[in-house]
Structures are given as structure tokens and as C-alpha cells.
Amino acid sequence: MMKALTKTFIAALAAAAAVAPVTAKDYRFIGDTQFAGFCKAVATDDVRALRANLSRNVGRIAATEREVLRMLTAQDGLTCNGANLIEFSVQRDASAVHDFLIARI
């Protein structure tokens, strides 16, 4: 009886893991961790996290959120997995973040 319950429990956990949403914990960032939040926001298609990172970097990177975004998406700006933020959002199928980036640039 206990063995059958254990097998059922393991099968239920496996099924739950298969449909679990992707989170930022599923990724490992290598590089300057000061900018890891931008890559994580794109990887998880989280516009709210992206906006929070933009506002946190006002005054540190540029004077306004729009300028921060322009600097990060510039040709020599931030790269995630070798791609700029817009290309990375396309690679990750992050449509909400992609739409936000395109609308703001």
C-alpha cells in the first residue's frame, strides 16, 4: 500500500513539474549581475520586472527610464545570451516584453 502511494505521489509531482510555469530561478546568469534582472525579465516574459529594473537604474545608467532603455537596447548595449534585449525577447518567445520594448524605443 505504501509503495503504491509513493509511486502515485512521484507521478503526481512529475506531472506538476511538467506543467509548472518557468520562473527566473530556472536560469543562471553569467556576467555583471548588476544587469541580470533585465535578462531574467525577458527570459520570463515579465514586463513588470523589466519596468522595475528600468526605474531602479534611473540615475545610475541614464536620467530617465526611456534613456535607460535606449542605452540598454543600443547596438553596443546590454546582451543576454549574446543577443540584445529585443533579439533575446524574440528568441525566448517573450511576446509581452518584445511588444513593450518595440513600443518604447
N, C-alpha and C. Protein backbone atom coordinates (compact mmCIF):
# COMPACT_ATOMS: atom_id res chain seq x y z
N MET A 1 0.82 -1.20 0.00
CA MET A 1 0.00 0.00 0.00
C MET A 1 0.86 1.25 0.00
N MET A 2 1.88 1.30 0.88
CA MET A 2 2.76 2.47 0.95
C MET A 2 3.53 2.66 -0.35
N LYS A 3 3.96 1.57 -0.96
CA LYS A 3 4.71 1.63 -2.21
C LYS A 3 3.83 2.21 -3.32
N ALA A 4 2.55 1.82 -3.35
CA ALA A 4 1.64 2.33 -4.37
C ALA A 4 1.40 3.82 -4.18
N LEU A 5 1.26 4.27 -2.94
CA LEU A 5 1.07 5.69 -2.66
C LEU A 5 2.31 6.49 -3.05
N THR A 6 3.47 5.95 -2.78
CA THR A 6 4.72 6.62 -3.13
C THR A 6 4.82 6.78 -4.65
N LYS A 7 4.51 5.72 -5.39
CA LYS A 7 4.55 5.79 -6.85
C LYS A 7 3.55 6.82 -7.37
N THR A 8 2.36 6.86 -6.78
CA THR A 8 1.34 7.82 -7.19
C THR A 8 1.80 9.24 -6.90
N PHE A 9 2.39 9.44 -5.72
CA PHE A 9 2.89 10.75 -5.34
C PHE A 9 3.99 11.21 -6.29
N ILE A 10 4.91 10.34 -6.61
CA ILE A 10 6.01 10.67 -7.53
C ILE A 10 5.46 11.00 -8.92
N ALA A 11 4.48 10.24 -9.37
CA ALA A 11 3.88 10.51 -10.68
C ALA A 11 3.17 11.87 -10.68
N ALA A 12 2.51 12.20 -9.57
CA ALA A 12 1.83 13.49 -9.47
C ALA A 12 2.83 14.64 -9.47
N LEU A 13 3.95 14.47 -8.77
CA LEU A 13 4.99 15.50 -8.77
C LEU A 13 5.59 15.69 -10.16
N ALA A 14 5.82 14.61 -10.84
CA ALA A 14 6.38 14.68 -12.19
C ALA A 14 5.43 15.41 -13.13
N ALA A 15 4.14 15.12 -13.01
CA ALA A 15 3.15 15.79 -13.85
C ALA A 15 3.08 17.27 -13.53
N ALA A 16 3.15 17.62 -12.26
CA ALA A 16 3.12 19.03 -11.86
C ALA A 16 4.35 19.75 -12.37
N ALA A 17 5.49 19.11 -12.33
CA ALA A 17 6.73 19.73 -12.80
C ALA A 17 6.68 19.95 -14.30
N ALA A 18 6.00 19.09 -15.01
CA ALA A 18 5.93 19.21 -16.47
C ALA A 18 5.12 20.43 -16.89
N VAL A 19 4.16 20.86 -16.09
CA VAL A 19 3.32 21.98 -16.46
C VAL A 19 3.61 23.22 -15.61
N ALA A 20 4.62 23.17 -14.77
CA ALA A 20 4.96 24.31 -13.91
C ALA A 20 5.43 25.48 -14.76
N PRO A 21 5.04 26.70 -14.39
CA PRO A 21 5.48 27.86 -15.16
C PRO A 21 6.99 28.08 -15.00
N VAL A 22 7.58 28.67 -16.02
CA VAL A 22 9.00 28.97 -15.98
C VAL A 22 9.21 30.18 -15.09
N THR A 23 10.18 30.11 -14.21
CA THR A 23 10.49 31.22 -13.32
C THR A 23 11.93 31.65 -13.53
N ALA A 24 12.27 32.76 -12.94
CA ALA A 24 13.64 33.27 -13.04
C ALA A 24 14.63 32.32 -12.40
N LYS A 25 14.18 31.49 -11.47
CA LYS A 25 15.08 30.54 -10.81
C LYS A 25 15.55 29.46 -11.76
N ASP A 26 14.86 29.29 -12.90
CA ASP A 26 15.23 28.28 -13.87
C ASP A 26 16.40 28.71 -14.75
N TYR A 27 16.93 29.91 -14.53
CA TYR A 27 18.00 30.44 -15.34
C TYR A 27 19.20 30.78 -14.47
N ARG A 28 20.37 30.70 -15.06
CA ARG A 28 21.58 31.11 -14.36
C ARG A 28 22.21 32.23 -15.16
N PHE A 29 22.53 33.32 -14.49
CA PHE A 29 23.09 34.48 -15.14
C PHE A 29 24.60 34.47 -14.96
N ILE A 30 25.32 34.68 -16.04
CA ILE A 30 26.78 34.77 -16.00
C ILE A 30 27.14 36.14 -16.54
N GLY A 31 27.89 36.89 -15.79
CA GLY A 31 28.28 38.22 -16.22
C GLY A 31 28.09 39.22 -15.10
N ASP A 32 27.91 40.48 -15.46
CA ASP A 32 27.73 41.53 -14.48
C ASP A 32 26.33 41.41 -13.89
N THR A 33 26.25 40.94 -12.66
CA THR A 33 24.95 40.66 -12.05
C THR A 33 24.13 41.92 -11.81
N GLN A 34 24.73 43.08 -11.95
CA GLN A 34 24.01 44.35 -11.83
C GLN A 34 22.88 44.42 -12.86
N PHE A 35 23.05 43.76 -13.99
CA PHE A 35 22.07 43.81 -15.07
C PHE A 35 21.33 42.50 -15.28
N ALA A 36 21.50 41.55 -14.38
CA ALA A 36 20.85 40.24 -14.50
C ALA A 36 19.33 40.35 -14.54
N GLY A 37 18.78 41.31 -13.83
CA GLY A 37 17.33 41.47 -13.78
C GLY A 37 16.70 41.72 -15.14
N PHE A 38 17.41 42.41 -16.01
CA PHE A 38 16.87 42.67 -17.35
C PHE A 38 16.76 41.37 -18.14
N CYS A 39 17.80 40.55 -18.09
CA CYS A 39 17.77 39.28 -18.82
C CYS A 39 16.72 38.34 -18.24
N LYS A 40 16.61 38.31 -16.92
CA LYS A 40 15.60 37.45 -16.27
C LYS A 40 14.19 37.91 -16.64
N ALA A 41 13.99 39.21 -16.69
CA ALA A 41 12.66 39.73 -17.05
C ALA A 41 12.29 39.31 -18.46
N VAL A 42 13.24 39.36 -19.38
CA VAL A 42 12.96 38.94 -20.75
C VAL A 42 12.76 37.43 -20.81
N ALA A 43 13.62 36.68 -20.14
CA ALA A 43 13.53 35.21 -20.18
C ALA A 43 12.20 34.71 -19.64
N THR A 44 11.63 35.43 -18.67
CA THR A 44 10.36 35.01 -18.09
C THR A 44 9.17 35.78 -18.64
N ASP A 45 9.41 36.65 -19.63
CA ASP A 45 8.38 37.46 -20.29
C ASP A 45 7.59 38.26 -19.25
N ASP A 46 8.32 38.96 -18.39
CA ASP A 46 7.72 39.70 -17.27
C ASP A 46 7.96 41.20 -17.45
N VAL A 47 6.97 41.90 -18.00
CA VAL A 47 7.07 43.33 -18.25
C VAL A 47 7.20 44.10 -16.94
N ARG A 48 6.48 43.66 -15.92
CA ARG A 48 6.53 44.34 -14.62
C ARG A 48 7.95 44.33 -14.07
N ALA A 49 8.64 43.20 -14.15
CA ALA A 49 10.03 43.10 -13.67
C ALA A 49 10.95 43.97 -14.52
N LEU A 50 10.71 44.00 -15.82
CA LEU A 50 11.53 44.83 -16.70
C LEU A 50 11.37 46.31 -16.34
N ARG A 51 10.15 46.74 -16.12
CA ARG A 51 9.90 48.14 -15.75
C ARG A 51 10.54 48.48 -14.40
N ALA A 52 10.48 47.54 -13.46
CA ALA A 52 11.09 47.76 -12.15
C ALA A 52 12.60 47.92 -12.29
N ASN A 53 13.22 47.11 -13.14
CA ASN A 53 14.66 47.24 -13.38
C ASN A 53 14.99 48.55 -14.06
N LEU A 54 14.15 48.99 -14.97
CA LEU A 54 14.38 50.28 -15.63
C LEU A 54 14.37 51.39 -14.60
N SER A 55 13.36 51.42 -13.72
CA SER A 55 13.30 52.51 -12.75
C SER A 55 14.41 52.43 -11.73
N ARG A 56 14.86 51.22 -11.38
CA ARG A 56 15.99 51.10 -10.43
C ARG A 56 17.28 51.66 -11.01
N ASN A 57 17.40 51.68 -12.31
CA ASN A 57 18.64 52.12 -12.94
C ASN A 57 18.61 53.57 -13.41
N VAL A 58 17.52 54.28 -13.16
CA VAL A 58 17.47 55.71 -13.45
C VAL A 58 18.45 56.39 -12.49
N GLY A 59 19.30 57.23 -13.07
CA GLY A 59 20.32 57.91 -12.27
C GLY A 59 21.64 57.16 -12.25
N ARG A 60 21.58 55.86 -12.46
CA ARG A 60 22.80 55.06 -12.50
C ARG A 60 23.29 54.88 -13.93
N ILE A 61 22.37 54.65 -14.84
CA ILE A 61 22.72 54.47 -16.26
C ILE A 61 22.39 55.72 -17.05
N ALA A 62 21.20 56.28 -16.80
CA ALA A 62 20.75 57.47 -17.52
C ALA A 62 19.75 58.22 -16.64
N ALA A 63 19.30 59.38 -17.13
CA ALA A 63 18.46 60.26 -16.33
C ALA A 63 16.99 59.85 -16.29
N THR A 64 16.51 59.14 -17.32
CA THR A 64 15.10 58.74 -17.36
C THR A 64 15.00 57.26 -17.74
N GLU A 65 13.82 56.68 -17.51
CA GLU A 65 13.60 55.28 -17.89
C GLU A 65 13.76 55.09 -19.39
N ARG A 66 13.25 56.03 -20.16
CA ARG A 66 13.34 55.93 -21.63
C ARG A 66 14.81 55.93 -22.08
N GLU A 67 15.63 56.78 -21.45
CA GLU A 67 17.06 56.82 -21.79
C GLU A 67 17.77 55.56 -21.35
N VAL A 68 17.40 55.03 -20.20
CA VAL A 68 17.98 53.75 -19.75
C VAL A 68 17.67 52.67 -20.78
N LEU A 69 16.42 52.61 -21.21
CA LEU A 69 16.01 51.61 -22.20
C LEU A 69 16.75 51.79 -23.51
N ARG A 70 16.91 53.03 -23.96
CA ARG A 70 17.64 53.28 -25.22
C ARG A 70 19.09 52.83 -25.11
N MET A 71 19.71 53.10 -23.97
CA MET A 71 21.11 52.70 -23.80
C MET A 71 21.25 51.18 -23.76
N LEU A 72 20.31 50.51 -23.10
CA LEU A 72 20.38 49.05 -22.99
C LEU A 72 20.12 48.36 -24.32
N THR A 73 19.25 48.95 -25.16
CA THR A 73 18.92 48.33 -26.43
C THR A 73 19.77 48.85 -27.59
N ALA A 74 20.73 49.73 -27.29
CA ALA A 74 21.62 50.24 -28.33
C ALA A 74 22.48 49.12 -28.90
N GLN A 75 23.09 49.38 -30.05
CA GLN A 75 23.93 48.38 -30.72
C GLN A 75 24.99 47.80 -29.79
N ASP A 76 25.61 48.63 -28.99
CA ASP A 76 26.66 48.16 -28.08
C ASP A 76 26.15 48.07 -26.64
N GLY A 77 24.82 47.94 -26.47
CA GLY A 77 24.21 47.89 -25.15
C GLY A 77 24.26 46.50 -24.53
N LEU A 78 23.35 46.26 -23.62
CA LEU A 78 23.27 45.01 -22.88
C LEU A 78 22.98 43.83 -23.80
N THR A 79 23.65 42.71 -23.56
CA THR A 79 23.34 41.49 -24.29
C THR A 79 22.98 40.39 -23.30
N CYS A 80 22.05 39.57 -23.69
CA CYS A 80 21.64 38.40 -22.93
C CYS A 80 21.83 37.20 -23.85
N ASN A 81 22.65 36.28 -23.43
CA ASN A 81 22.94 35.09 -24.24
C ASN A 81 23.45 35.48 -25.63
N GLY A 82 24.22 36.57 -25.68
CA GLY A 82 24.83 37.01 -26.93
C GLY A 82 23.94 37.85 -27.82
N ALA A 83 22.72 38.14 -27.39
CA ALA A 83 21.78 38.92 -28.21
C ALA A 83 21.34 40.15 -27.44
N ASN A 84 21.00 41.22 -28.17
CA ASN A 84 20.46 42.39 -27.47
C ASN A 84 19.08 42.05 -26.92
N LEU A 85 18.52 42.93 -26.12
CA LEU A 85 17.25 42.63 -25.44
C LEU A 85 16.11 42.30 -26.41
N ILE A 86 16.06 43.01 -27.52
CA ILE A 86 14.98 42.77 -28.48
C ILE A 86 15.14 41.40 -29.14
N GLU A 87 16.35 41.10 -29.61
CA GLU A 87 16.60 39.79 -30.21
C GLU A 87 16.37 38.67 -29.20
N PHE A 88 16.80 38.89 -27.96
CA PHE A 88 16.63 37.88 -26.92
C PHE A 88 15.15 37.64 -26.63
N SER A 89 14.34 38.70 -26.66
CA SER A 89 12.91 38.51 -26.43
C SER A 89 12.27 37.70 -27.55
N VAL A 90 12.76 37.85 -28.78
CA VAL A 90 12.26 37.05 -29.90
C VAL A 90 12.69 35.60 -29.72
N GLN A 91 13.97 35.38 -29.36
CA GLN A 91 14.47 34.02 -29.15
C GLN A 91 13.69 33.29 -28.06
N ARG A 92 13.32 33.99 -27.00
CA ARG A 92 12.65 33.39 -25.85
C ARG A 92 11.13 33.38 -25.99
N ASP A 93 10.61 33.86 -27.12
CA ASP A 93 9.16 33.98 -27.33
C ASP A 93 8.51 34.81 -26.23
N ALA A 94 9.19 35.85 -25.82
CA ALA A 94 8.68 36.76 -24.78
C ALA A 94 7.89 37.87 -25.46
N SER A 95 6.70 37.56 -25.90
CA SER A 95 5.93 38.50 -26.71
C SER A 95 5.52 39.76 -25.94
N ALA A 96 5.17 39.63 -24.68
CA ALA A 96 4.77 40.82 -23.91
C ALA A 96 5.94 41.78 -23.75
N VAL A 97 7.10 41.25 -23.42
CA VAL A 97 8.29 42.09 -23.27
C VAL A 97 8.70 42.66 -24.62
N HIS A 98 8.65 41.85 -25.66
CA HIS A 98 9.01 42.31 -27.01
C HIS A 98 8.12 43.48 -27.42
N ASP A 99 6.82 43.33 -27.23
CA ASP A 99 5.89 44.42 -27.58
C ASP A 99 6.20 45.68 -26.78
N PHE A 100 6.50 45.52 -25.49
CA PHE A 100 6.85 46.67 -24.65
C PHE A 100 8.11 47.36 -25.17
N LEU A 101 9.14 46.57 -25.48
CA LEU A 101 10.40 47.14 -25.96
C LEU A 101 10.22 47.87 -27.28
N ILE A 102 9.51 47.27 -28.21
CA ILE A 102 9.30 47.88 -29.52
C ILE A 102 8.50 49.18 -29.38
N ALA A 103 7.51 49.21 -28.51
CA ALA A 103 6.69 50.39 -28.33
C ALA A 103 7.46 51.53 -27.68
N ARG A 104 8.45 51.22 -26.88
CA ARG A 104 9.17 52.25 -26.12
C ARG A 104 10.40 52.80 -26.81
N ILE A 105 10.87 52.12 -27.83
CA ILE A 105 12.12 52.59 -28.46
C ILE A 105 11.81 53.65 -29.51
